[in-house]
Amino acid sequence: VQIAPNSPARDLWRADKNNFAPSIGFAYDIEGNGKSSLRAGYALRYERNFGNVTFNVIQNPPNYGVVSITSADIGGAPIPISRNNAGPLAGNVGSITLPRVSLRAVDPNIKTAFAHQYSASYERRFGEITASAVFSGTTGKKLYSLANINRVGSGTTYLGSSSTCPGLAPSSRLAGCYGSINYRGNGGRSAYQGITFSLESGNLFGAGLTMASRYTYAVSRDNLSATFSETGNQFNLGFLDPFNPGLDYGFADSDVRHRFVSNFVWELPTNRVFSDGIGKALFGGITLSGIIIARTGTPFSVYDCTDQIHVCKYLIPNGTVATTGKLGADTGQANEFAFLRLTGQTGVDLGGTSSQNGGPFPTNMTERNSFRGPGVWNVDLALSKKFFFTERASLQFRVDAINVFNHANAFINGFSGGTDISNFDPVNDPNGNLVTVSKDGRRQLQFGIRFAF
């Protein structure tokens, strides 16, 4: 470990100076009358390094020494509870050898992450309606990643023996003088392609209805959806195997296959029927608006922590396994409902150190995010009434009904081991081998007054 000025890079990492970011696009009026158009474009975009993974290098030696002691570090023996503020470092006299410190490291040859963005669209106006089809995609390369490259057991697997460090007992890690090493690199990659069909109108059939509806079919894949693996269905930090990032390539956490969105603003016909006098005061200036959203579910992983010491592998199926379910009855627990029963599936103990260092794994192990959760839908409505005092001054009363149908959507219980097959007990628990969901959602009413002048 070297401080940046003394390292071969002479800095925290070598400068990446060839980040050329071109953009190109065109728009073509096909008929020459402004009713139809064809557009396409491409751009190369970069994202500079960021986050506390980089800044936390201040916690490395020689300035700091962050110590993490697990039972595996002392041969599997229990760690006694100490009444001394110094904990295991406490002693009566003399000095104590500092245990293995953890490190936060940045790849000295790290490159600036970038993405290829591309799109093409066709748009056509038919009277009061405009229809369009838009294809868009992005391919992320050398995306920033975080992984522990010095896990317990990694040394004995990759080196074939324990590693040593003066003054310390032999270690099963790759680097025997250190504990966990959280390594910032370019191991991430992603790909997204989607096509959106839309219809829009500014005054549909002359009825005062402004609306827009869009349907999207998309596929999003990556090998790391969040730098710190902070989403609810994450059992590991970074990659399952830090030396094989491709093992985690699968559907992104945010992958939504089908999505429909529609919004409208309707000036009610009473606005035209009652154009003046008391009729206008009572029935004019009324507007109804709303937003409708419906989408299919997002993916999740089923883990197997049976032999977990440092990481949890993905489910190794016993025969065929269903990858999605449907909302079922409550399980008897508060706000918990049946969704997917993994019949016949059990945890698998691979033995050795495979679960410590991230491999090798059986070829039939399920992919990351190969299961799919329930869909989501929601409707918001708003009703407003405007009172006119003069041509320029008016008072508007408005009520918004957020989630007007008081619909509660269902979400996978990924926390607290809810998707860990080793936590299931199909023998003694009637709900064993059952992935469950919780419901969330409530109607909210919001009232407002606005004076315009």
Protein backbone atom coordinates (compact mmCIF):
# COMPACT_ATOMS: atom_id res chain seq x y z
CA VAL A 1 0.00 0.00 0.00
CA GLN A 2 1.43 3.34 -1.06
CA ILE A 3 0.33 6.92 -0.65
CA ALA A 4 -0.65 8.43 -4.00
CA PRO A 5 2.45 10.65 -4.61
CA ASN A 6 4.76 7.66 -4.08
CA SER A 7 2.79 5.25 -6.27
CA PRO A 8 3.73 4.38 -9.88
CA ALA A 9 0.74 6.48 -11.03
CA ARG A 10 2.00 9.48 -8.97
CA ASP A 11 -1.65 10.09 -8.14
CA LEU A 12 -4.72 8.27 -6.86
CA TRP A 13 -5.24 7.07 -10.45
CA ARG A 14 -3.79 7.89 -13.83
CA ALA A 15 -5.52 10.67 -15.74
CA ASP A 16 -7.82 9.57 -18.56
CA LYS A 17 -7.46 12.33 -21.16
CA ASN A 18 -9.08 10.91 -24.29
CA ASN A 19 -12.73 11.39 -23.33
CA PHE A 20 -13.98 12.66 -26.68
CA ALA A 21 -17.78 12.93 -26.59
CA PRO A 22 -19.30 13.44 -30.06
CA SER A 23 -23.00 13.94 -30.75
CA ILE A 24 -24.74 13.68 -34.10
CA GLY A 25 -28.35 13.76 -35.17
CA PHE A 26 -30.76 14.71 -37.91
CA ALA A 27 -34.42 15.55 -38.44
CA TYR A 28 -36.14 15.04 -41.82
CA ASP A 29 -39.53 16.42 -42.85
CA ILE A 30 -40.63 13.51 -45.02
CA GLU A 31 -43.55 15.14 -46.85
CA GLY A 32 -42.32 18.70 -46.61
CA ASN A 33 -45.55 19.89 -44.99
CA GLY A 34 -44.68 19.49 -41.30
CA LYS A 35 -47.00 16.49 -40.83
CA SER A 36 -44.44 13.70 -40.69
CA SER A 37 -40.86 13.54 -39.52
CA LEU A 38 -37.99 11.12 -39.13
CA ARG A 39 -35.34 11.74 -36.47
CA ALA A 40 -32.27 9.86 -35.31
CA GLY A 41 -29.23 10.58 -33.21
CA TYR A 42 -26.19 9.21 -31.44
CA ALA A 43 -24.12 10.51 -28.53
CA LEU A 44 -21.18 9.31 -26.49
CA ARG A 45 -21.46 10.40 -22.86
CA TYR A 46 -19.04 10.14 -19.92
CA GLU A 47 -19.52 10.06 -16.15
CA ARG A 48 -16.63 11.10 -13.93
CA ASN A 49 -15.64 9.05 -10.91
CA PHE A 50 -17.67 9.88 -7.82
CA GLY A 51 -18.76 8.85 -4.38
CA ASN A 52 -17.43 7.98 -0.97
CA VAL A 53 -15.64 4.90 -2.32
CA THR A 54 -13.11 7.35 -3.70
CA PHE A 55 -13.08 9.82 -0.83
CA ASN A 56 -12.87 7.13 1.86
CA VAL A 57 -9.28 6.36 0.91
CA ILE A 58 -8.50 8.86 3.68
CA GLN A 59 -9.28 5.97 6.07
CA ASN A 60 -6.34 3.92 4.78
CA PRO A 61 -2.93 3.63 6.44
CA PRO A 62 -0.81 5.52 7.31
CA ASN A 63 -3.44 8.05 8.45
CA TYR A 64 -6.07 5.58 9.66
CA GLY A 65 -6.41 1.94 10.52
CA VAL A 66 -9.96 0.58 10.24
CA VAL A 67 -10.14 -2.80 11.94
CA SER A 68 -12.80 -5.42 11.33
CA ILE A 69 -12.52 -8.70 13.19
CA THR A 70 -14.68 -11.73 12.41
CA SER A 71 -14.59 -15.19 13.91
CA ALA A 72 -13.09 -16.41 10.62
CA ASP A 73 -10.08 -14.18 11.28
CA ILE A 74 -9.30 -16.08 14.47
CA GLY A 75 -9.87 -19.60 13.24
CA GLY A 76 -13.63 -19.67 13.74
CA ALA A 77 -13.46 -19.13 17.51
CA PRO A 78 -16.09 -16.94 19.21
CA ILE A 79 -15.18 -13.30 19.77
CA PRO A 80 -15.61 -12.46 23.47
CA ILE A 81 -17.46 -9.32 24.51
CA SER A 82 -15.06 -6.82 26.06
CA ARG A 83 -15.88 -4.27 28.75
CA ASN A 84 -12.92 -2.15 27.66
CA ASN A 85 -13.46 0.73 25.22
CA ALA A 86 -10.55 -0.58 23.17
CA GLY A 87 -12.30 -3.93 22.75
CA PRO A 88 -10.01 -6.70 21.46
CA LEU A 89 -7.16 -4.17 21.25
CA ALA A 90 -7.16 -3.61 25.00
CA GLY A 91 -4.14 -4.69 27.04
CA ASN A 92 -2.57 -4.09 30.42
CA VAL A 93 0.95 -3.14 29.41
CA GLY A 94 3.14 -2.80 26.36
CA SER A 95 1.88 -2.71 22.79
CA ILE A 96 -0.52 -4.84 20.80
CA THR A 97 -0.05 -5.79 17.19
CA LEU A 98 -2.68 -4.08 15.08
CA PRO A 99 -5.00 -6.65 13.49
CA ARG A 100 -5.57 -6.67 9.76
CA VAL A 101 -6.95 -3.32 8.63
CA SER A 102 -9.48 -2.93 5.84
CA LEU A 103 -8.72 -0.85 2.77
CA ARG A 104 -10.61 1.30 0.30
CA ALA A 105 -8.78 1.23 -3.02
CA VAL A 106 -9.21 2.69 -6.49
CA ASP A 107 -7.88 0.96 -9.58
CA PRO A 108 -4.85 3.11 -10.49
CA ASN A 109 -5.70 2.52 -14.16
CA ILE A 110 -9.42 3.24 -13.82
CA LYS A 111 -11.06 4.75 -16.89
CA THR A 112 -13.88 7.27 -17.12
CA ALA A 113 -17.16 5.39 -17.43
CA PHE A 114 -19.06 6.02 -20.65
CA ALA A 115 -22.24 5.09 -22.49
CA HIS A 116 -23.29 4.96 -26.12
CA GLN A 117 -26.74 6.56 -26.50
CA TYR A 118 -28.75 6.16 -29.69
CA SER A 119 -32.32 6.77 -30.80
CA ALA A 120 -34.59 6.92 -33.83
CA SER A 121 -38.18 8.11 -34.12
CA TYR A 122 -41.00 8.48 -36.62
CA GLU A 123 -43.83 10.95 -36.03
CA ARG A 124 -47.01 11.53 -38.04
CA ARG A 125 -49.91 13.90 -37.53
CA PHE A 126 -53.40 12.71 -38.45
CA GLY A 127 -55.73 15.67 -38.06
CA GLU A 128 -55.95 16.39 -34.33
CA ILE A 129 -53.94 13.31 -33.37
CA THR A 130 -50.16 12.88 -33.46
CA ALA A 131 -48.78 9.34 -33.46
CA SER A 132 -45.15 8.39 -32.97
CA ALA A 133 -42.82 5.44 -32.53
CA VAL A 134 -39.53 6.04 -30.73
CA PHE A 135 -36.68 3.57 -30.35
CA SER A 136 -34.01 4.40 -27.80
CA GLY A 137 -31.07 2.55 -26.39
CA THR A 138 -27.95 2.92 -24.34
CA THR A 139 -24.92 0.70 -23.86
CA GLY A 140 -22.81 1.38 -20.77
CA LYS A 141 -19.13 0.48 -20.81
CA LYS A 142 -16.49 0.47 -18.08
CA LEU A 143 -19.11 1.50 -15.51
CA TYR A 144 -17.98 2.04 -11.95
CA SER A 145 -18.10 -0.97 -9.69
CA LEU A 146 -17.34 -1.87 -6.09
CA ALA A 147 -16.18 -5.29 -4.94
CA ASN A 148 -14.31 -6.86 -2.05
CA ILE A 149 -11.25 -8.41 -3.70
CA ASN A 150 -9.77 -9.77 -0.45
CA ARG A 151 -12.50 -12.01 0.92
CA VAL A 152 -11.99 -14.68 3.52
CA GLY A 153 -11.02 -17.87 1.69
CA SER A 154 -9.94 -16.17 -1.52
CA GLY A 155 -6.24 -16.77 -0.89
CA THR A 156 -6.48 -20.49 -0.31
CA THR A 157 -8.60 -20.82 -3.44
CA TYR A 158 -6.55 -18.73 -5.87
CA LEU A 159 -3.08 -19.17 -4.33
CA GLY A 160 -3.54 -22.73 -3.15
CA SER A 161 -2.28 -21.86 0.33
CA SER A 162 -2.63 -19.37 3.14
CA SER A 163 -1.00 -15.95 2.89
CA THR A 164 1.30 -14.61 5.56
CA CYS A 165 2.07 -11.29 7.20
CA PRO A 166 4.83 -10.58 9.76
CA GLY A 167 3.46 -10.59 13.30
CA LEU A 168 0.10 -12.06 12.32
CA ALA A 169 -1.25 -15.57 11.96
CA PRO A 170 -1.57 -16.99 8.43
CA SER A 171 -4.64 -15.75 6.59
CA SER A 172 -6.92 -17.39 4.04
CA ARG A 173 -7.20 -14.05 2.22
CA LEU A 174 -5.27 -13.10 -0.91
CA ALA A 175 -3.39 -10.30 0.86
CA GLY A 176 -2.52 -11.61 4.31
CA CYS A 177 -1.68 -8.25 5.88
CA TYR A 178 -5.12 -6.77 5.24
CA GLY A 179 -8.78 -7.47 5.83
CA SER A 180 -11.49 -6.63 3.32
CA ILE A 181 -10.42 -4.46 0.38
CA ASN A 182 -13.29 -2.55 -1.22
CA TYR A 183 -12.01 -1.99 -4.74
CA ARG A 184 -13.33 0.69 -7.09
CA GLY A 185 -12.98 -0.39 -10.71
CA ASN A 186 -14.56 -0.50 -14.17
CA GLY A 187 -16.30 -3.86 -13.85
CA GLY A 188 -19.82 -2.64 -14.59
CA ARG A 189 -21.67 -2.79 -17.89
CA SER A 190 -25.25 -2.25 -19.00
CA ALA A 191 -27.55 -2.38 -22.01
CA TYR A 192 -31.01 -0.92 -22.54
CA GLN A 193 -33.27 -1.01 -25.58
CA GLY A 194 -36.85 0.14 -25.68
CA ILE A 195 -39.54 1.22 -28.10
CA THR A 196 -42.34 3.62 -27.20
CA PHE A 197 -45.58 4.09 -29.12
CA SER A 198 -47.55 7.23 -28.34
CA LEU A 199 -50.73 9.10 -29.26
CA GLU A 200 -51.25 12.77 -28.45
CA SER A 201 -54.00 15.28 -29.09
CA GLY A 202 -54.40 18.93 -28.16
CA ASN A 203 -58.19 19.08 -28.60
CA LEU A 204 -59.58 15.64 -29.37
CA PHE A 205 -62.77 15.79 -31.47
CA GLY A 206 -63.13 19.43 -30.49
CA ALA A 207 -64.32 18.33 -27.05
CA GLY A 208 -61.70 20.25 -25.07
CA LEU A 209 -59.80 17.05 -24.28
CA THR A 210 -56.00 17.20 -24.24
CA MET A 211 -54.45 13.76 -23.82
CA ALA A 212 -51.29 11.74 -24.28
CA SER A 213 -50.87 7.97 -24.05
CA ARG A 214 -47.63 6.01 -24.23
CA TYR A 215 -46.80 2.32 -24.22
CA THR A 216 -43.19 1.16 -23.80
CA TYR A 217 -41.67 -2.25 -24.35
CA ALA A 218 -38.13 -2.36 -23.00
CA VAL A 219 -35.35 -4.66 -21.82
CA SER A 220 -32.66 -3.49 -19.41
CA ARG A 221 -29.67 -5.60 -18.38
CA ASP A 222 -26.58 -4.99 -16.28
CA ASN A 223 -24.26 -6.70 -13.83
CA LEU A 224 -24.53 -4.10 -11.05
CA SER A 225 -27.58 -1.86 -10.65
CA ALA A 226 -26.38 0.08 -7.61
CA THR A 227 -22.78 0.85 -6.66
CA PHE A 228 -23.27 0.04 -2.98
CA SER A 229 -25.78 -2.80 -3.52
CA GLU A 230 -28.21 -0.85 -1.36
CA THR A 231 -31.48 -2.03 -2.91
CA GLY A 232 -33.74 -4.28 -0.85
CA ASN A 233 -32.98 -7.51 -2.70
CA GLN A 234 -29.18 -7.47 -2.36
CA PHE A 235 -27.37 -10.00 -0.17
CA ASN A 236 -23.84 -9.22 -1.36
CA LEU A 237 -21.64 -6.15 -1.73
CA GLY A 238 -20.80 -5.72 -5.38
CA PHE A 239 -20.25 -8.83 -7.48
CA LEU A 240 -20.84 -12.42 -6.48
CA ASP A 241 -17.38 -13.13 -7.88
CA PRO A 242 -15.16 -10.00 -7.88
CA PHE A 243 -12.91 -11.58 -10.51
CA ASN A 244 -15.76 -12.56 -12.83
CA PRO A 245 -18.20 -9.62 -13.10
CA GLY A 246 -19.98 -11.31 -15.99
CA LEU A 247 -21.42 -13.87 -13.57
CA ASP A 248 -23.87 -11.21 -12.36
CA TYR A 249 -25.01 -10.07 -15.80
CA GLY A 250 -28.80 -10.30 -15.92
CA PHE A 251 -31.89 -8.14 -15.83
CA ALA A 252 -31.37 -4.77 -14.13
CA ASP A 253 -33.12 -4.07 -10.83
CA SER A 254 -35.22 -1.43 -12.63
CA ASP A 255 -36.07 -3.57 -15.67
CA VAL A 256 -39.75 -3.15 -16.60
CA ARG A 257 -40.91 -5.10 -19.63
CA HIS A 258 -44.23 -3.34 -20.29
CA ARG A 259 -45.27 0.15 -19.18
CA PHE A 260 -48.35 2.21 -20.03
CA VAL A 261 -48.85 5.84 -19.06
CA SER A 262 -51.73 8.11 -19.99
CA ASN A 263 -52.61 11.62 -18.90
CA PHE A 264 -55.45 13.93 -19.83
CA VAL A 265 -56.88 17.38 -19.16
CA TRP A 266 -60.58 17.79 -19.99
CA GLU A 267 -62.32 21.14 -19.97
CA LEU A 268 -65.89 20.00 -19.34
CA PRO A 269 -68.57 20.92 -21.94
CA THR A 270 -70.28 23.13 -19.36
CA ASN A 271 -67.54 25.67 -20.06
CA ARG A 272 -68.98 26.19 -23.55
CA VAL A 273 -72.66 25.77 -22.69
CA PHE A 274 -72.54 28.40 -19.95
CA SER A 275 -70.38 31.16 -21.40
CA ASP A 276 -71.63 34.09 -19.31
CA GLY A 277 -73.80 35.17 -16.40
CA ILE A 278 -74.77 33.00 -13.46
CA GLY A 279 -74.41 29.84 -15.54
CA LYS A 280 -70.74 30.58 -16.16
CA ALA A 281 -70.20 31.45 -12.50
CA LEU A 282 -71.73 28.15 -11.33
CA PHE A 283 -70.83 25.69 -14.07
CA GLY A 284 -68.04 27.28 -16.11
CA GLY A 285 -64.30 26.89 -15.61
CA ILE A 286 -64.48 23.21 -14.54
CA THR A 287 -61.54 20.98 -15.47
CA LEU A 288 -60.97 17.27 -14.86
CA SER A 289 -57.44 15.86 -15.21
CA GLY A 290 -55.70 12.62 -14.40
CA ILE A 291 -52.71 10.32 -14.76
CA ILE A 292 -52.94 6.54 -15.25
CA ILE A 293 -49.88 4.32 -14.80
CA ALA A 294 -49.63 0.55 -15.22
CA ARG A 295 -46.50 -1.59 -15.52
CA THR A 296 -45.28 -5.13 -15.14
CA GLY A 297 -43.14 -6.17 -12.18
CA THR A 298 -39.45 -5.66 -11.62
CA PRO A 299 -37.03 -8.59 -11.28
CA PHE A 300 -35.50 -10.05 -8.14
CA SER A 301 -33.03 -12.76 -7.20
CA VAL A 302 -33.55 -15.80 -5.00
CA TYR A 303 -30.42 -16.39 -2.94
CA ASP A 304 -29.03 -19.42 -1.17
CA CYS A 305 -27.07 -18.60 1.99
CA THR A 306 -26.83 -22.22 3.16
CA ASP A 307 -23.02 -22.22 3.25
CA GLN A 308 -22.61 -18.46 3.39
CA ILE A 309 -19.48 -17.14 5.02
CA HIS A 310 -18.92 -14.02 2.97
CA VAL A 311 -21.38 -14.05 0.06
CA CYS A 312 -24.63 -15.78 -0.86
CA LYS A 313 -24.90 -17.60 -4.18
CA TYR A 314 -28.03 -17.60 -6.32
CA LEU A 315 -30.58 -20.41 -6.12
CA ILE A 316 -29.38 -23.72 -7.55
CA PRO A 317 -32.67 -25.24 -8.74
CA ASN A 318 -33.80 -28.77 -8.14
CA GLY A 319 -35.61 -29.46 -11.42
CA THR A 320 -37.79 -26.80 -12.99
CA VAL A 321 -38.70 -23.73 -10.98
CA ALA A 322 -41.38 -21.10 -11.56
CA THR A 323 -39.95 -17.61 -11.98
CA THR A 324 -43.06 -15.59 -11.15
CA GLY A 325 -46.30 -16.05 -9.28
CA LYS A 326 -49.57 -14.32 -8.50
CA LEU A 327 -50.98 -12.56 -5.48
CA GLY A 328 -52.46 -15.07 -3.06
CA ALA A 329 -54.02 -15.21 0.39
CA ASP A 330 -52.51 -13.66 3.48
CA THR A 331 -50.07 -15.86 5.38
CA GLY A 332 -51.34 -14.99 8.83
CA GLN A 333 -48.53 -12.49 9.35
CA ALA A 334 -49.17 -8.74 9.35
CA ASN A 335 -49.31 -7.37 5.79
CA GLU A 336 -47.83 -10.50 4.24
CA PHE A 337 -49.33 -12.32 1.25
CA ALA A 338 -48.38 -15.38 -0.75
CA PHE A 339 -46.83 -14.80 -4.17
CA LEU A 340 -44.44 -17.52 -5.39
CA ARG A 341 -44.04 -21.02 -3.98
CA LEU A 342 -40.68 -22.59 -4.77
CA THR A 343 -41.91 -26.16 -4.54
CA GLY A 344 -39.17 -28.74 -4.04
CA GLN A 345 -36.37 -26.19 -3.81
CA THR A 346 -33.81 -26.41 -1.01
CA GLY A 347 -30.51 -24.87 -0.10
CA VAL A 348 -27.36 -26.50 -1.46
CA ASP A 349 -24.11 -26.77 0.49
CA LEU A 350 -21.28 -26.68 -2.04
CA GLY A 351 -18.67 -27.35 0.63
CA GLY A 352 -15.11 -26.04 0.60
CA THR A 353 -14.68 -22.32 0.13
CA SER A 354 -16.79 -21.68 -2.98
CA SER A 355 -19.27 -19.52 -1.09
CA GLN A 356 -16.46 -17.48 0.45
CA ASN A 357 -14.69 -16.37 -2.70
CA GLY A 358 -17.41 -16.45 -5.33
CA GLY A 359 -16.95 -19.64 -7.25
CA PRO A 360 -16.87 -21.88 -9.03
CA PHE A 361 -20.63 -22.46 -9.13
CA PRO A 362 -22.74 -25.12 -10.85
CA THR A 363 -23.73 -24.27 -14.41
CA ASN A 364 -27.43 -24.60 -13.56
CA MET A 365 -27.32 -21.86 -10.91
CA THR A 366 -30.07 -19.31 -11.64
CA GLU A 367 -29.02 -15.96 -13.02
CA ARG A 368 -29.16 -12.74 -11.06
CA ASN A 369 -32.65 -11.20 -11.19
CA SER A 370 -34.15 -14.18 -13.01
CA PHE A 371 -37.41 -13.99 -11.01
CA ARG A 372 -40.16 -11.42 -11.56
CA GLY A 373 -42.31 -9.57 -9.02
CA PRO A 374 -45.94 -8.39 -9.27
CA GLY A 375 -47.09 -5.53 -11.47
CA VAL A 376 -48.06 -2.04 -10.34
CA TRP A 377 -50.88 0.33 -11.31
CA ASN A 378 -52.13 3.68 -10.05
CA VAL A 379 -54.68 6.36 -10.97
CA ASP A 380 -54.54 10.02 -9.88
CA LEU A 381 -57.40 12.46 -10.56
CA ALA A 382 -57.85 16.19 -10.05
CA LEU A 383 -60.94 18.40 -10.28
CA SER A 384 -60.74 22.17 -10.38
CA LYS A 385 -63.26 25.03 -10.58
CA LYS A 386 -62.29 28.53 -11.63
CA PHE A 387 -64.23 31.69 -10.71
CA PHE A 388 -63.61 34.75 -12.88
CA PHE A 389 -63.70 38.24 -11.40
CA THR A 390 -62.34 40.06 -14.43
CA GLU A 391 -60.73 38.93 -17.69
CA ARG A 392 -57.39 38.73 -15.89
CA ALA A 393 -58.29 37.92 -12.29
CA SER A 394 -59.62 34.51 -11.21
CA LEU A 395 -59.81 32.23 -8.19
CA GLN A 396 -59.30 28.48 -8.63
CA PHE A 397 -60.40 25.77 -6.19
CA ARG A 398 -58.69 22.41 -6.74
CA VAL A 399 -58.88 18.95 -5.19
CA ASP A 400 -56.33 16.24 -6.03
CA ALA A 401 -57.06 12.58 -5.35
CA ILE A 402 -53.72 10.78 -5.36
CA ASN A 403 -54.35 7.04 -5.79
CA VAL A 404 -58.04 7.76 -6.18
CA PHE A 405 -59.07 4.08 -5.97
CA ASN A 406 -57.10 3.55 -2.73
CA HIS A 407 -55.28 0.67 -4.42
CA ALA A 408 -52.41 -1.01 -2.57
CA ASN A 409 -49.71 -2.42 -4.84
CA ALA A 410 -47.70 -5.48 -3.83
CA PHE A 411 -43.90 -5.60 -3.47
CA ILE A 412 -41.51 -8.50 -2.88
CA ASN A 413 -40.32 -8.93 0.72
CA GLY A 414 -36.61 -8.86 -0.10
CA PHE A 415 -35.48 -7.67 3.32
CA SER A 416 -34.82 -9.92 6.34
CA GLY A 417 -34.03 -12.98 4.24
CA GLY A 418 -37.38 -13.03 2.44
CA THR A 419 -35.74 -14.30 -0.75
CA ASP A 420 -33.13 -16.58 0.84
CA ILE A 421 -34.00 -20.23 0.24
CA SER A 422 -31.92 -21.26 3.28
CA ASN A 423 -34.34 -19.36 5.54
CA PHE A 424 -37.31 -21.40 4.35
CA ASP A 425 -38.59 -24.33 6.41
CA PRO A 426 -41.00 -26.37 4.27
CA VAL A 427 -41.20 -29.17 6.86
CA ASN A 428 -42.23 -27.27 9.98
CA ASP A 429 -43.61 -24.07 8.44
CA PRO A 430 -46.86 -24.22 6.41
CA ASN A 431 -45.61 -21.15 4.55
CA GLY A 432 -42.20 -22.69 3.85
CA ASN A 433 -40.63 -22.21 0.42
CA LEU A 434 -42.93 -19.24 -0.12
CA VAL A 435 -41.76 -15.89 -1.46
CA THR A 436 -44.14 -13.32 -0.02
CA VAL A 437 -45.16 -9.75 -0.78
CA SER A 438 -46.31 -6.79 1.26
CA LYS A 439 -48.84 -4.21 0.13
CA ASP A 440 -48.38 -0.47 0.23
CA GLY A 441 -50.54 2.39 -1.02
CA ARG A 442 -53.19 4.77 0.24
CA ARG A 443 -55.50 7.46 -1.06
CA GLN A 444 -54.45 11.02 -0.34
CA LEU A 445 -56.66 14.08 -0.84
CA GLN A 446 -55.11 17.49 -1.34
CA PHE A 447 -57.11 20.73 -1.42
CA GLY A 448 -55.82 23.99 -2.80
CA ILE A 449 -56.80 27.56 -3.66
CA ARG A 450 -55.01 29.66 -6.25
CA PHE A 451 -55.56 33.33 -7.05
CA ALA A 452 -54.35 34.46 -10.49
CA PHE A 453 -54.16 38.07 -11.63
